[in-house]
């Protein structure tokens, strides 16, 4: 299933997806948005943080690392994604949102967006 959702806007601490406003970090799956998503370690994204996203069997995982880009992707997660054939794209959240809107209509894409720092 291609992700037909669209991110309408992003500002520090807030993202609007399909007319719904979220003020906590989100996972965007092909069929729904999981709000109030959090990681075991706040600014480190690890495989254990992405169970539902990985279960969606995406072609692409887009990571929004926060407005200034403080969240990091664990090297073990990057290696896992590479071995699983999932493209990893990680940018500060503004750019990640733009990339999501570009790719989601044509590739099975999920996004993990950190909305603040």
PDB file of N, CA and C in Angstrom:
ATOM      1  N   UNK A   1       0.846  -1.175   0.000  1.00  0.00           N
ATOM      2  CA  UNK A   1       0.000   0.000   0.000  1.00  0.00           C
ATOM      3  C   UNK A   1       0.894   1.241   0.000  1.00  0.00           C
ATOM      4  N   UNK A   2       0.709   2.085  -0.992  1.00  0.00           N
ATOM      5  CA  UNK A   2       1.416   3.355  -1.059  1.00  0.00           C
ATOM      6  C   UNK A   2       0.781   4.298  -0.039  1.00  0.00           C
ATOM      7  N   UNK A   3       1.595   5.135   0.584  1.00  0.00           N
ATOM      8  CA  UNK A   3       1.085   6.050   1.595  1.00  0.00           C
ATOM      9  C   UNK A   3       0.504   7.279   0.913  1.00  0.00           C
ATOM     10  N   UNK A   4      -0.803   7.471   1.041  1.00  0.00           N
ATOM     11  CA  UNK A   4      -1.457   8.601   0.391  1.00  0.00           C
ATOM     12  C   UNK A   4      -1.618   9.797   1.336  1.00  0.00           C
ATOM     13  N   UNK A   5      -1.098   9.682   2.548  1.00  0.00           N
ATOM     14  CA  UNK A   5      -1.218  10.794   3.494  1.00  0.00           C
ATOM     15  C   UNK A   5      -0.315  11.942   3.072  1.00  0.00           C
ATOM     16  N   UNK A   6      -0.717  13.136   3.451  1.00  0.00           N
ATOM     17  CA  UNK A   6       0.071  14.323   3.136  1.00  0.00           C
ATOM     18  C   UNK A   6       0.306  15.123   4.410  1.00  0.00           C
ATOM     19  N   UNK A   7       1.541  15.530   4.576  1.00  0.00           N
ATOM     20  CA  UNK A   7       1.889  16.427   5.674  1.00  0.00           C
ATOM     21  C   UNK A   7       1.608  17.839   5.172  1.00  0.00           C
ATOM     22  N   UNK A   8       0.684  18.497   5.834  1.00  0.00           N
ATOM     23  CA  UNK A   8       0.268  19.826   5.380  1.00  0.00           C
ATOM     24  C   UNK A   8       1.183  20.923   5.896  1.00  0.00           C
ATOM     25  N   UNK A   9       1.680  20.779   7.126  1.00  0.00           N
ATOM     26  CA  UNK A   9       2.591  21.791   7.657  1.00  0.00           C
ATOM     27  C   UNK A   9       3.360  21.229   8.843  1.00  0.00           C
ATOM     28  N   UNK A  10       4.505  21.855   9.081  1.00  0.00           N
ATOM     29  CA  UNK A  10       5.310  21.529  10.256  1.00  0.00           C
ATOM     30  C   UNK A  10       5.875  22.823  10.813  1.00  0.00           C
ATOM     31  N   UNK A  11       5.744  22.982  12.102  1.00  0.00           N
ATOM     32  CA  UNK A  11       6.389  24.045  12.863  1.00  0.00           C
ATOM     33  C   UNK A  11       6.909  23.401  14.133  1.00  0.00           C
ATOM     34  N   UNK A  12       7.863  24.032  14.797  1.00  0.00           N
ATOM     35  CA  UNK A  12       8.436  23.470  16.013  1.00  0.00           C
ATOM     36  C   UNK A  12       7.320  22.993  16.949  1.00  0.00           C
ATOM     37  N   UNK A  13       7.315  21.685  17.253  1.00  0.00           N
ATOM     38  CA  UNK A  13       6.360  21.119  18.196  1.00  0.00           C
ATOM     39  C   UNK A  13       4.990  20.809  17.629  1.00  0.00           C
ATOM     40  N   UNK A  14       4.806  20.949  16.312  1.00  0.00           N
ATOM     41  CA  UNK A  14       3.466  20.719  15.753  1.00  0.00           C
ATOM     42  C   UNK A  14       3.551  20.309  14.286  1.00  0.00           C
ATOM     43  N   UNK A  15       2.787  19.289  13.934  1.00  0.00           N
ATOM     44  CA  UNK A  15       2.692  18.871  12.540  1.00  0.00           C
ATOM     45  C   UNK A  15       1.211  18.660  12.219  1.00  0.00           C
ATOM     46  N   UNK A  16       0.812  19.028  11.003  1.00  0.00           N
ATOM     47  CA  UNK A  16      -0.559  18.825  10.547  1.00  0.00           C
ATOM     48  C   UNK A  16      -0.518  17.803   9.422  1.00  0.00           C
ATOM     49  N   UNK A  17      -1.249  16.699   9.637  1.00  0.00           N
ATOM     50  CA  UNK A  17      -1.303  15.600   8.671  1.00  0.00           C
ATOM     51  C   UNK A  17      -2.767  15.330   8.371  1.00  0.00           C
ATOM     52  N   UNK A  18      -3.131  15.461   7.104  1.00  0.00           N
ATOM     53  CA  UNK A  18      -4.513  15.191   6.679  1.00  0.00           C
ATOM     54  C   UNK A  18      -5.527  15.941   7.544  1.00  0.00           C
ATOM     55  N   UNK A  19      -5.239  17.183   7.853  1.00  0.00           N
ATOM     56  CA  UNK A  19      -6.173  18.011   8.615  1.00  0.00           C
ATOM     57  C   UNK A  19      -6.142  17.817  10.117  1.00  0.00           C
ATOM     58  N   UNK A  20      -5.351  16.876  10.600  1.00  0.00           N
ATOM     59  CA  UNK A  20      -5.246  16.635  12.045  1.00  0.00           C
ATOM     60  C   UNK A  20      -3.949  17.216  12.566  1.00  0.00           C
ATOM     61  N   UNK A  21      -4.032  17.923  13.682  1.00  0.00           N
ATOM     62  CA  UNK A  21      -2.857  18.540  14.288  1.00  0.00           C
ATOM     63  C   UNK A  21      -2.317  17.642  15.394  1.00  0.00           C
ATOM     64  N   UNK A  22      -1.010  17.399  15.339  1.00  0.00           N
ATOM     65  CA  UNK A  22      -0.331  16.583  16.344  1.00  0.00           C
ATOM     66  C   UNK A  22       0.729  17.450  17.013  1.00  0.00           C
ATOM     67  N   UNK A  23       0.803  17.337  18.337  1.00  0.00           N
ATOM     68  CA  UNK A  23       1.769  18.130  19.091  1.00  0.00           C
ATOM     69  C   UNK A  23       2.769  17.255  19.848  1.00  0.00           C
ATOM     70  N   UNK A  24       2.784  15.978  19.504  1.00  0.00           N
ATOM     71  CA  UNK A  24       3.789  15.070  20.039  1.00  0.00           C
ATOM     72  C   UNK A  24       4.325  14.252  18.873  1.00  0.00           C
ATOM     73  N   UNK A  25       5.492  13.688  19.048  1.00  0.00           N
ATOM     74  CA  UNK A  25       6.146  12.928  17.991  1.00  0.00           C
ATOM     75  C   UNK A  25       5.206  11.875  17.416  1.00  0.00           C
ATOM     76  N   UNK A  26       5.359  11.601  16.105  1.00  0.00           N
ATOM     77  CA  UNK A  26       4.443  10.694  15.416  1.00  0.00           C
ATOM     78  C   UNK A  26       5.198   9.697  14.545  1.00  0.00           C
ATOM     79  N   UNK A  27       4.536   8.559  14.340  1.00  0.00           N
ATOM     80  CA  UNK A  27       4.911   7.606  13.296  1.00  0.00           C
ATOM     81  C   UNK A  27       3.809   7.675  12.247  1.00  0.00           C
ATOM     82  N   UNK A  28       4.190   7.881  11.010  1.00  0.00           N
ATOM     83  CA  UNK A  28       3.215   7.879   9.924  1.00  0.00           C
ATOM     84  C   UNK A  28       3.352   6.553   9.190  1.00  0.00           C
ATOM     85  N   UNK A  29       2.311   5.743   9.281  1.00  0.00           N
ATOM     86  CA  UNK A  29       2.269   4.445   8.619  1.00  0.00           C
ATOM     87  C   UNK A  29       1.421   4.577   7.356  1.00  0.00           C
ATOM     88  N   UNK A  30       1.424   3.587   6.482  1.00  0.00           N
ATOM     89  CA  UNK A  30       0.641   3.709   5.256  1.00  0.00           C
ATOM     90  C   UNK A  30      -0.857   3.930   5.487  1.00  0.00           C
ATOM     91  N   UNK A  31      -1.383   3.431   6.604  1.00  0.00           N
ATOM     92  CA  UNK A  31      -2.833   3.506   6.810  1.00  0.00           C
ATOM     93  C   UNK A  31      -3.264   4.328   8.018  1.00  0.00           C
ATOM     94  N   UNK A  32      -2.303   4.884   8.773  1.00  0.00           N
ATOM     95  CA  UNK A  32      -2.683   5.642   9.965  1.00  0.00           C
ATOM     96  C   UNK A  32      -1.482   6.386  10.544  1.00  0.00           C
ATOM     97  N   UNK A  33      -1.802   7.294  11.460  1.00  0.00           N
ATOM     98  CA  UNK A  33      -0.769   8.025  12.184  1.00  0.00           C
ATOM     99  C   UNK A  33      -0.811   7.579  13.638  1.00  0.00           C
ATOM    100  N   UNK A  34       0.335   7.204  14.176  1.00  0.00           N
ATOM    101  CA  UNK A  34       0.433   6.861  15.592  1.00  0.00           C
ATOM    102  C   UNK A  34       0.989   8.077  16.311  1.00  0.00           C
ATOM    103  N   UNK A  35       0.157   8.671  17.156  1.00  0.00           N
ATOM    104  CA  UNK A  35       0.606   9.855  17.876  1.00  0.00           C
ATOM    105  C   UNK A  35       1.152   9.468  19.243  1.00  0.00           C
ATOM    106  N   UNK A  36       1.760  10.398  19.882  1.00  0.00           N
ATOM    107  CA  UNK A  36       2.387  10.198  21.179  1.00  0.00           C
ATOM    108  C   UNK A  36       3.459   9.105  21.139  1.00  0.00           C
ATOM    109  N   UNK A  37       4.134   9.024  19.998  1.00  0.00           N
ATOM    110  CA  UNK A  37       5.230   8.064  19.831  1.00  0.00           C
ATOM    111  C   UNK A  37       6.458   8.595  20.556  1.00  0.00           C
ATOM    112  N   UNK A  38       7.155   7.731  21.214  1.00  0.00           N
ATOM    113  CA  UNK A  38       8.371   8.114  21.916  1.00  0.00           C
ATOM    114  C   UNK A  38       9.387   7.011  21.817  1.00  0.00           C
ATOM    115  N   UNK A  39      10.616   7.337  22.105  1.00  0.00           N
ATOM    116  CA  UNK A  39      11.708   6.384  22.016  1.00  0.00           C
ATOM    117  C   UNK A  39      12.226   6.016  23.401  1.00  0.00           C
ATOM    118  N   UNK A  40      12.879   4.864  23.487  1.00  0.00           N
ATOM    119  CA  UNK A  40      13.471   4.457  24.766  1.00  0.00           C
ATOM    120  C   UNK A  40      14.471   5.491  25.250  1.00  0.00           C
ATOM    121  N   UNK A  41      15.240   6.048  24.321  1.00  0.00           N
ATOM    122  CA  UNK A  41      16.172   7.136  24.630  1.00  0.00           C
ATOM    123  C   UNK A  41      15.758   8.308  23.751  1.00  0.00           C
ATOM    124  N   UNK A  42      15.382   9.408  24.376  1.00  0.00           N
ATOM    125  CA  UNK A  42      14.763  10.529  23.680  1.00  0.00           C
ATOM    126  C   UNK A  42      15.380  10.959  22.360  1.00  0.00           C
ATOM    127  N   UNK A  43      16.686  11.122  22.304  1.00  0.00           N
ATOM    128  CA  UNK A  43      17.315  11.628  21.087  1.00  0.00           C
ATOM    129  C   UNK A  43      18.140  10.580  20.357  1.00  0.00           C
ATOM    130  N   UNK A  44      17.801   9.314  20.562  1.00  0.00           N
ATOM    131  CA  UNK A  44      18.455   8.220  19.849  1.00  0.00           C
ATOM    132  C   UNK A  44      17.381   7.283  19.318  1.00  0.00           C
ATOM    133  N   UNK A  45      17.282   7.183  18.003  1.00  0.00           N
ATOM    134  CA  UNK A  45      16.300   6.304  17.374  1.00  0.00           C
ATOM    135  C   UNK A  45      16.914   4.926  17.189  1.00  0.00           C
ATOM    136  N   UNK A  46      16.257   3.910  17.779  1.00  0.00           N
ATOM    137  CA  UNK A  46      16.749   2.538  17.732  1.00  0.00           C
ATOM    138  C   UNK A  46      15.691   1.618  17.133  1.00  0.00           C
ATOM    139  N   UNK A  47      16.118   0.430  16.747  1.00  0.00           N
ATOM    140  CA  UNK A  47      15.219  -0.534  16.134  1.00  0.00           C
ATOM    141  C   UNK A  47      13.995  -0.805  17.003  1.00  0.00           C
ATOM    142  N   UNK A  48      14.188  -0.936  18.312  1.00  0.00           N
ATOM    143  CA  UNK A  48      13.068  -1.225  19.217  1.00  0.00           C
ATOM    144  C   UNK A  48      12.002  -0.138  19.206  1.00  0.00           C
ATOM    145  N   UNK A  49      12.344   1.054  18.758  1.00  0.00           N
ATOM    146  CA  UNK A  49      11.401   2.170  18.729  1.00  0.00           C
ATOM    147  C   UNK A  49      10.481   2.128  17.513  1.00  0.00           C
ATOM    148  N   UNK A  50      10.755   1.231  16.581  1.00  0.00           N
ATOM    149  CA  UNK A  50      10.076   1.259  15.282  1.00  0.00           C
ATOM    150  C   UNK A  50       9.321  -0.013  14.943  1.00  0.00           C
ATOM    151  N   UNK A  51       8.877  -0.758  15.953  1.00  0.00           N
ATOM    152  CA  UNK A  51       8.219  -2.033  15.694  1.00  0.00           C
ATOM    153  C   UNK A  51       7.099  -1.956  14.672  1.00  0.00           C
ATOM    154  N   UNK A  52       6.158  -1.049  14.868  1.00  0.00           N
ATOM    155  CA  UNK A  52       5.018  -0.957  13.945  1.00  0.00           C
ATOM    156  C   UNK A  52       5.432  -0.416  12.588  1.00  0.00           C
ATOM    157  N   UNK A  53       6.400   0.470  12.563  1.00  0.00           N
ATOM    158  CA  UNK A  53       6.872   0.997  11.283  1.00  0.00           C
ATOM    159  C   UNK A  53       7.547  -0.109  10.466  1.00  0.00           C
ATOM    160  N   UNK A  54       8.387  -0.908  11.093  1.00  0.00           N
ATOM    161  CA  UNK A  54       9.067  -2.007  10.397  1.00  0.00           C
ATOM    162  C   UNK A  54       8.053  -3.066   9.970  1.00  0.00           C
ATOM    163  N   UNK A  55       7.054  -3.329  10.825  1.00  0.00           N
ATOM    164  CA  UNK A  55       6.023  -4.314  10.496  1.00  0.00           C
ATOM    165  C   UNK A  55       5.232  -3.918   9.260  1.00  0.00           C
ATOM    166  N   UNK A  56       5.191  -2.639   8.932  1.00  0.00           N
ATOM    167  CA  UNK A  56       4.477  -2.167   7.740  1.00  0.00           C
ATOM    168  C   UNK A  56       5.238  -2.493   6.454  1.00  0.00           C
ATOM    169  N   UNK A  57       6.438  -3.043   6.584  1.00  0.00           N
ATOM    170  CA  UNK A  57       7.275  -3.439   5.445  1.00  0.00           C
ATOM    171  C   UNK A  57       7.460  -2.312   4.427  1.00  0.00           C
ATOM    172  N   UNK A  58       8.003  -1.181   4.891  1.00  0.00           N
ATOM    173  CA  UNK A  58       8.174  -0.059   3.969  1.00  0.00           C
ATOM    174  C   UNK A  58       9.357  -0.241   3.028  1.00  0.00           C
ATOM    175  N   UNK A  59       9.331   0.505   1.945  1.00  0.00           N
ATOM    176  CA  UNK A  59      10.493   0.610   1.071  1.00  0.00           C
ATOM    177  C   UNK A  59      11.416   1.711   1.582  1.00  0.00           C
ATOM    178  N   UNK A  60      10.819   2.709   2.242  1.00  0.00           N
ATOM    179  CA  UNK A  60      11.559   3.870   2.704  1.00  0.00           C
ATOM    180  C   UNK A  60      11.138   4.216   4.127  1.00  0.00           C
ATOM    181  N   UNK A  61      12.114   4.524   4.972  1.00  0.00           N
ATOM    182  CA  UNK A  61      11.858   5.092   6.298  1.00  0.00           C
ATOM    183  C   UNK A  61      12.447   6.490   6.301  1.00  0.00           C
ATOM    184  N   UNK A  62      11.580   7.471   6.515  1.00  0.00           N
ATOM    185  CA  UNK A  62      12.032   8.847   6.625  1.00  0.00           C
ATOM    186  C   UNK A  62      12.030   9.226   8.095  1.00  0.00           C
ATOM    187  N   UNK A  63      13.146   9.749   8.556  1.00  0.00           N
ATOM    188  CA  UNK A  63      13.285  10.153   9.946  1.00  0.00           C
ATOM    189  C   UNK A  63      13.424  11.672  10.006  1.00  0.00           C
ATOM    190  N   UNK A  64      12.530  12.291  10.775  1.00  0.00           N
ATOM    191  CA  UNK A  64      12.645  13.712  11.066  1.00  0.00           C
ATOM    192  C   UNK A  64      13.379  13.853  12.385  1.00  0.00           C
ATOM    193  N   UNK A  65      14.561  14.422  12.346  1.00  0.00           N
ATOM    194  CA  UNK A  65      15.443  14.431  13.514  1.00  0.00           C
ATOM    195  C   UNK A  65      15.241  15.633  14.439  1.00  0.00           C
ATOM    196  N   UNK A  66      14.121  16.348  14.253  1.00  0.00           N
ATOM    197  CA  UNK A  66      13.841  17.533  15.059  1.00  0.00           C
ATOM    198  C   UNK A  66      14.177  18.790  14.277  1.00  0.00           C
ATOM    199  N   UNK A  67      13.698  19.929  14.758  1.00  0.00           N
ATOM    200  CA  UNK A  67      13.946  21.168  14.012  1.00  0.00           C
ATOM    201  C   UNK A  67      15.438  21.431  13.837  1.00  0.00           C
ATOM    202  N   UNK A  68      16.244  21.367  14.903  1.00  0.00           N
ATOM    203  CA  UNK A  68      17.680  21.565  14.699  1.00  0.00           C
ATOM    204  C   UNK A  68      18.426  20.264  14.410  1.00  0.00           C
ATOM    205  N   UNK A  69      17.726  19.132  14.416  1.00  0.00           N
ATOM    206  CA  UNK A  69      18.348  17.860  14.061  1.00  0.00           C
ATOM    207  C   UNK A  69      19.114  17.171  15.168  1.00  0.00           C
ATOM    208  N   UNK A  70      18.648  17.272  16.410  1.00  0.00           N
ATOM    209  CA  UNK A  70      19.379  16.671  17.542  1.00  0.00           C
ATOM    210  C   UNK A  70      19.205  15.160  17.669  1.00  0.00           C
ATOM    211  N   UNK A  71      18.086  14.601  17.165  1.00  0.00           N
ATOM    212  CA  UNK A  71      17.890  13.159  17.292  1.00  0.00           C
ATOM    213  C   UNK A  71      18.814  12.438  16.311  1.00  0.00           C
ATOM    214  N   UNK A  72      19.453  11.385  16.791  1.00  0.00           N
ATOM    215  CA  UNK A  72      20.364  10.604  15.962  1.00  0.00           C
ATOM    216  C   UNK A  72      19.750   9.242  15.648  1.00  0.00           C
ATOM    217  N   UNK A  73      20.201   8.654  14.561  1.00  0.00           N
ATOM    218  CA  UNK A  73      19.822   7.290  14.192  1.00  0.00           C
ATOM    219  C   UNK A  73      20.940   6.368  14.657  1.00  0.00           C
ATOM    220  N   UNK A  74      20.577   5.379  15.470  1.00  0.00           N
ATOM    221  CA  UNK A  74      21.546   4.409  15.963  1.00  0.00           C
ATOM    222  C   UNK A  74      22.199   3.675  14.781  1.00  0.00           C
ATOM    223  N   UNK A  75      23.520   3.520  14.778  1.00  0.00           N
ATOM    224  CA  UNK A  75      24.182   2.813  13.676  1.00  0.00           C
ATOM    225  C   UNK A  75      23.651   1.389  13.485  1.00  0.00           C
ATOM    226  N   UNK A  76      23.247   0.731  14.569  1.00  0.00           N
ATOM    227  CA  UNK A  76      22.682  -0.611  14.450  1.00  0.00           C
ATOM    228  C   UNK A  76      21.365  -0.606  13.699  1.00  0.00           C
ATOM    229  N   UNK A  77      20.562   0.424  13.882  1.00  0.00           N
ATOM    230  CA  UNK A  77      19.309   0.559  13.136  1.00  0.00           C
ATOM    231  C   UNK A  77      19.603   0.789  11.659  1.00  0.00           C
ATOM    232  N   UNK A  78      20.545   1.660  11.371  1.00  0.00           N
ATOM    233  CA  UNK A  78      20.899   1.931   9.973  1.00  0.00           C
ATOM    234  C   UNK A  78      21.360   0.651   9.275  1.00  0.00           C
ATOM    235  N   UNK A  79      22.156  -0.149   9.971  1.00  0.00           N
ATOM    236  CA  UNK A  79      22.640  -1.406   9.393  1.00  0.00           C
ATOM    237  C   UNK A  79      21.480  -2.378   9.166  1.00  0.00           C
ATOM    238  N   UNK A  80      20.581  -2.487  10.141  1.00  0.00           N
ATOM    239  CA  UNK A  80      19.417  -3.363  10.004  1.00  0.00           C
ATOM    240  C   UNK A  80      18.590  -2.965   8.783  1.00  0.00           C
ATOM    241  N   UNK A  81      18.316  -1.672   8.648  1.00  0.00           N
ATOM    242  CA  UNK A  81      17.501  -1.192   7.528  1.00  0.00           C
ATOM    243  C   UNK A  81      18.174  -1.489   6.197  1.00  0.00           C
ATOM    244  N   UNK A  82      19.473  -1.283   6.135  1.00  0.00           N
ATOM    245  CA  UNK A  82      20.201  -1.566   4.910  1.00  0.00           C
ATOM    246  C   UNK A  82      20.083  -3.048   4.548  1.00  0.00           C
ATOM    247  N   UNK A  83      20.271  -3.917   5.539  1.00  0.00           N
ATOM    248  CA  UNK A  83      20.177  -5.355   5.288  1.00  0.00           C
ATOM    249  C   UNK A  83      18.762  -5.776   4.902  1.00  0.00           C
ATOM    250  N   UNK A  84      17.761  -5.063   5.403  1.00  0.00           N
ATOM    251  CA  UNK A  84      16.358  -5.373   5.092  1.00  0.00           C
ATOM    252  C   UNK A  84      15.909  -4.746   3.771  1.00  0.00           C
ATOM    253  N   UNK A  85      16.781  -3.978   3.134  1.00  0.00           N
ATOM    254  CA  UNK A  85      16.427  -3.355   1.865  1.00  0.00           C
ATOM    255  C   UNK A  85      15.509  -2.144   2.018  1.00  0.00           C
ATOM    256  N   UNK A  86      15.539  -1.515   3.196  1.00  0.00           N
ATOM    257  CA  UNK A  86      14.716  -0.328   3.454  1.00  0.00           C
ATOM    258  C   UNK A  86      15.615   0.895   3.369  1.00  0.00           C
ATOM    259  N   UNK A  87      15.268   1.818   2.475  1.00  0.00           N
ATOM    260  CA  UNK A  87      16.050   3.049   2.349  1.00  0.00           C
ATOM    261  C   UNK A  87      15.813   3.929   3.569  1.00  0.00           C
ATOM    262  N   UNK A  88      16.879   4.461   4.124  1.00  0.00           N
ATOM    263  CA  UNK A  88      16.821   5.364   5.274  1.00  0.00           C
ATOM    264  C   UNK A  88      17.128   6.776   4.811  1.00  0.00           C
ATOM    265  N   UNK A  89      16.220   7.681   5.114  1.00  0.00           N
ATOM    266  CA  UNK A  89      16.419   9.098   4.829  1.00  0.00           C
ATOM    267  C   UNK A  89      16.220   9.834   6.141  1.00  0.00           C
ATOM    268  N   UNK A  90      17.257  10.510   6.612  1.00  0.00           N
ATOM    269  CA  UNK A  90      17.177  11.229   7.891  1.00  0.00           C
ATOM    270  C   UNK A  90      17.612  12.672   7.679  1.00  0.00           C
ATOM    271  N   UNK A  91      16.718  13.584   8.039  1.00  0.00           N
ATOM    272  CA  UNK A  91      16.949  15.018   7.906  1.00  0.00           C
ATOM    273  C   UNK A  91      16.287  15.724   9.069  1.00  0.00           C
ATOM    274  N   UNK A  92      16.674  16.979   9.329  1.00  0.00           N
ATOM    275  CA  UNK A  92      15.858  17.777  10.240  1.00  0.00           C
ATOM    276  C   UNK A  92      14.395  17.727   9.771  1.00  0.00           C
ATOM    277  N   UNK A  93      13.475  17.821  10.710  1.00  0.00           N
ATOM    278  CA  UNK A  93      12.070  17.485  10.444  1.00  0.00           C
ATOM    279  C   UNK A  93      11.441  18.285   9.314  1.00  0.00           C
ATOM    280  N   UNK A  94      11.781  19.546   9.144  1.00  0.00           N
ATOM    281  CA  UNK A  94      11.196  20.325   8.039  1.00  0.00           C
ATOM    282  C   UNK A  94      11.502  19.678   6.694  1.00  0.00           C
ATOM    283  N   UNK A  95      12.759  19.326   6.477  1.00  0.00           N
ATOM    284  CA  UNK A  95      13.161  18.678   5.225  1.00  0.00           C
ATOM    285  C   UNK A  95      12.590  17.266   5.136  1.00  0.00           C
ATOM    286  N   UNK A  96      12.539  16.553   6.255  1.00  0.00           N
ATOM    287  CA  UNK A  96      11.965  15.200   6.257  1.00  0.00           C
ATOM    288  C   UNK A  96      10.511  15.237   5.812  1.00  0.00           C
ATOM    289  N   UNK A  97       9.766  16.231   6.251  1.00  0.00           N
ATOM    290  CA  UNK A  97       8.354  16.363   5.842  1.00  0.00           C
ATOM    291  C   UNK A  97       8.257  16.589   4.337  1.00  0.00           C
ATOM    292  N   UNK A  98       9.113  17.439   3.815  1.00  0.00           N
ATOM    293  CA  UNK A  98       9.107  17.702   2.373  1.00  0.00           C
ATOM    294  C   UNK A  98       9.423  16.429   1.587  1.00  0.00           C
ATOM    295  N   UNK A  99      10.419  15.696   2.052  1.00  0.00           N
ATOM    296  CA  UNK A  99      10.794  14.446   1.365  1.00  0.00           C
ATOM    297  C   UNK A  99       9.677  13.409   1.455  1.00  0.00           C
ATOM    298  N   UNK A 100       9.015  13.342   2.614  1.00  0.00           N
ATOM    299  CA  UNK A 100       7.894  12.415   2.755  1.00  0.00           C
ATOM    300  C   UNK A 100       6.826  12.715   1.703  1.00  0.00           C
ATOM    301  N   UNK A 101       6.451  13.971   1.583  1.00  0.00           N
ATOM    302  CA  UNK A 101       5.413  14.335   0.614  1.00  0.00           C
ATOM    303  C   UNK A 101       5.826  14.022  -0.822  1.00  0.00           C
ATOM    304  N   UNK A 102       7.116  14.084  -1.118  1.00  0.00           N
ATOM    305  CA  UNK A 102       7.606  13.737  -2.451  1.00  0.00           C
ATOM    306  C   UNK A 102       7.550  12.242  -2.709  1.00  0.00           C
ATOM    307  N   UNK A 103       7.983  11.448  -1.727  1.00  0.00           N
ATOM    308  CA  UNK A 103       8.156  10.007  -1.945  1.00  0.00           C
ATOM    309  C   UNK A 103       6.912   9.168  -1.678  1.00  0.00           C
ATOM    310  N   UNK A 104       6.105   9.560  -0.697  1.00  0.00           N
ATOM    311  CA  UNK A 104       4.982   8.718  -0.265  1.00  0.00           C
ATOM    312  C   UNK A 104       3.993   8.370  -1.379  1.00  0.00           C
ATOM    313  N   UNK A 105       3.746   9.239  -2.347  1.00  0.00           N
ATOM    314  CA  UNK A 105       2.788   8.854  -3.393  1.00  0.00           C
ATOM    315  C   UNK A 105       3.294   7.757  -4.335  1.00  0.00           C
ATOM    316  N   UNK A 106       4.601   7.520  -4.364  1.00  0.00           N
ATOM    317  CA  UNK A 106       5.134   6.566  -5.338  1.00  0.00           C
ATOM    318  C   UNK A 106       5.866   5.370  -4.732  1.00  0.00           C
ATOM    319  N   UNK A 107       6.223   5.461  -3.452  1.00  0.00           N
ATOM    320  CA  UNK A 107       6.929   4.358  -2.795  1.00  0.00           C
ATOM    321  C   UNK A 107       6.289   4.113  -1.436  1.00  0.00           C
ATOM    322  N   UNK A 108       6.316   2.881  -0.970  1.00  0.00           N
ATOM    323  CA  UNK A 108       5.758   2.561   0.344  1.00  0.00           C
ATOM    324  C   UNK A 108       6.658   3.187   1.402  1.00  0.00           C
ATOM    325  N   UNK A 109       6.168   4.255   2.007  1.00  0.00           N
ATOM    326  CA  UNK A 109       6.984   5.104   2.869  1.00  0.00           C
ATOM    327  C   UNK A 109       6.360   5.223   4.250  1.00  0.00           C
ATOM    328  N   UNK A 110       7.184   5.124   5.274  1.00  0.00           N
ATOM    329  CA  UNK A 110       6.771   5.431   6.641  1.00  0.00           C
ATOM    330  C   UNK A 110       7.683   6.540   7.145  1.00  0.00           C
ATOM    331  N   UNK A 111       7.193   7.270   8.139  1.00  0.00           N
ATOM    332  CA  UNK A 111       7.986   8.352   8.691  1.00  0.00           C
ATOM    333  C   UNK A 111       7.943   8.326  10.213  1.00  0.00           C
ATOM    334  N   UNK A 112       9.061   8.648  10.809  1.00  0.00           N
ATOM    335  CA  UNK A 112       9.206   8.791  12.261  1.00  0.00           C
ATOM    336  C   UNK A 112       9.650  10.225  12.486  1.00  0.00           C
ATOM    337  N   UNK A 113       8.742  11.049  13.019  1.00  0.00           N
ATOM    338  CA  UNK A 113       9.010  12.474  13.113  1.00  0.00           C
ATOM    339  C   UNK A 113       9.138  12.946  14.553  1.00  0.00           C
ATOM    340  N   UNK A 114      10.296  13.481  14.859  1.00  0.00           N
ATOM    341  CA  UNK A 114      10.549  14.150  16.148  1.00  0.00           C
ATOM    342  C   UNK A 114      10.230  15.612  15.906  1.00  0.00           C
ATOM    343  N   UNK A 115       9.300  16.172  16.682  1.00  0.00           N
ATOM    344  CA  UNK A 115       8.751  17.486  16.372  1.00  0.00           C
ATOM    345  C   UNK A 115       9.461  18.657  17.021  1.00  0.00           C
ATOM    346  N   UNK A 116      10.288  18.398  18.022  1.00  0.00           N
ATOM    347  CA  UNK A 116      10.916  19.520  18.716  1.00  0.00           C
ATOM    348  C   UNK A 116      12.415  19.550  18.426  1.00  0.00           C
ATOM    349  N   UNK A 117      13.225  19.368  19.465  1.00  0.00           N
ATOM    350  CA  UNK A 117      14.663  19.510  19.300  1.00  0.00           C
ATOM    351  C   UNK A 117      15.231  18.315  18.564  1.00  0.00           C
TER     352      UNK A 117
END
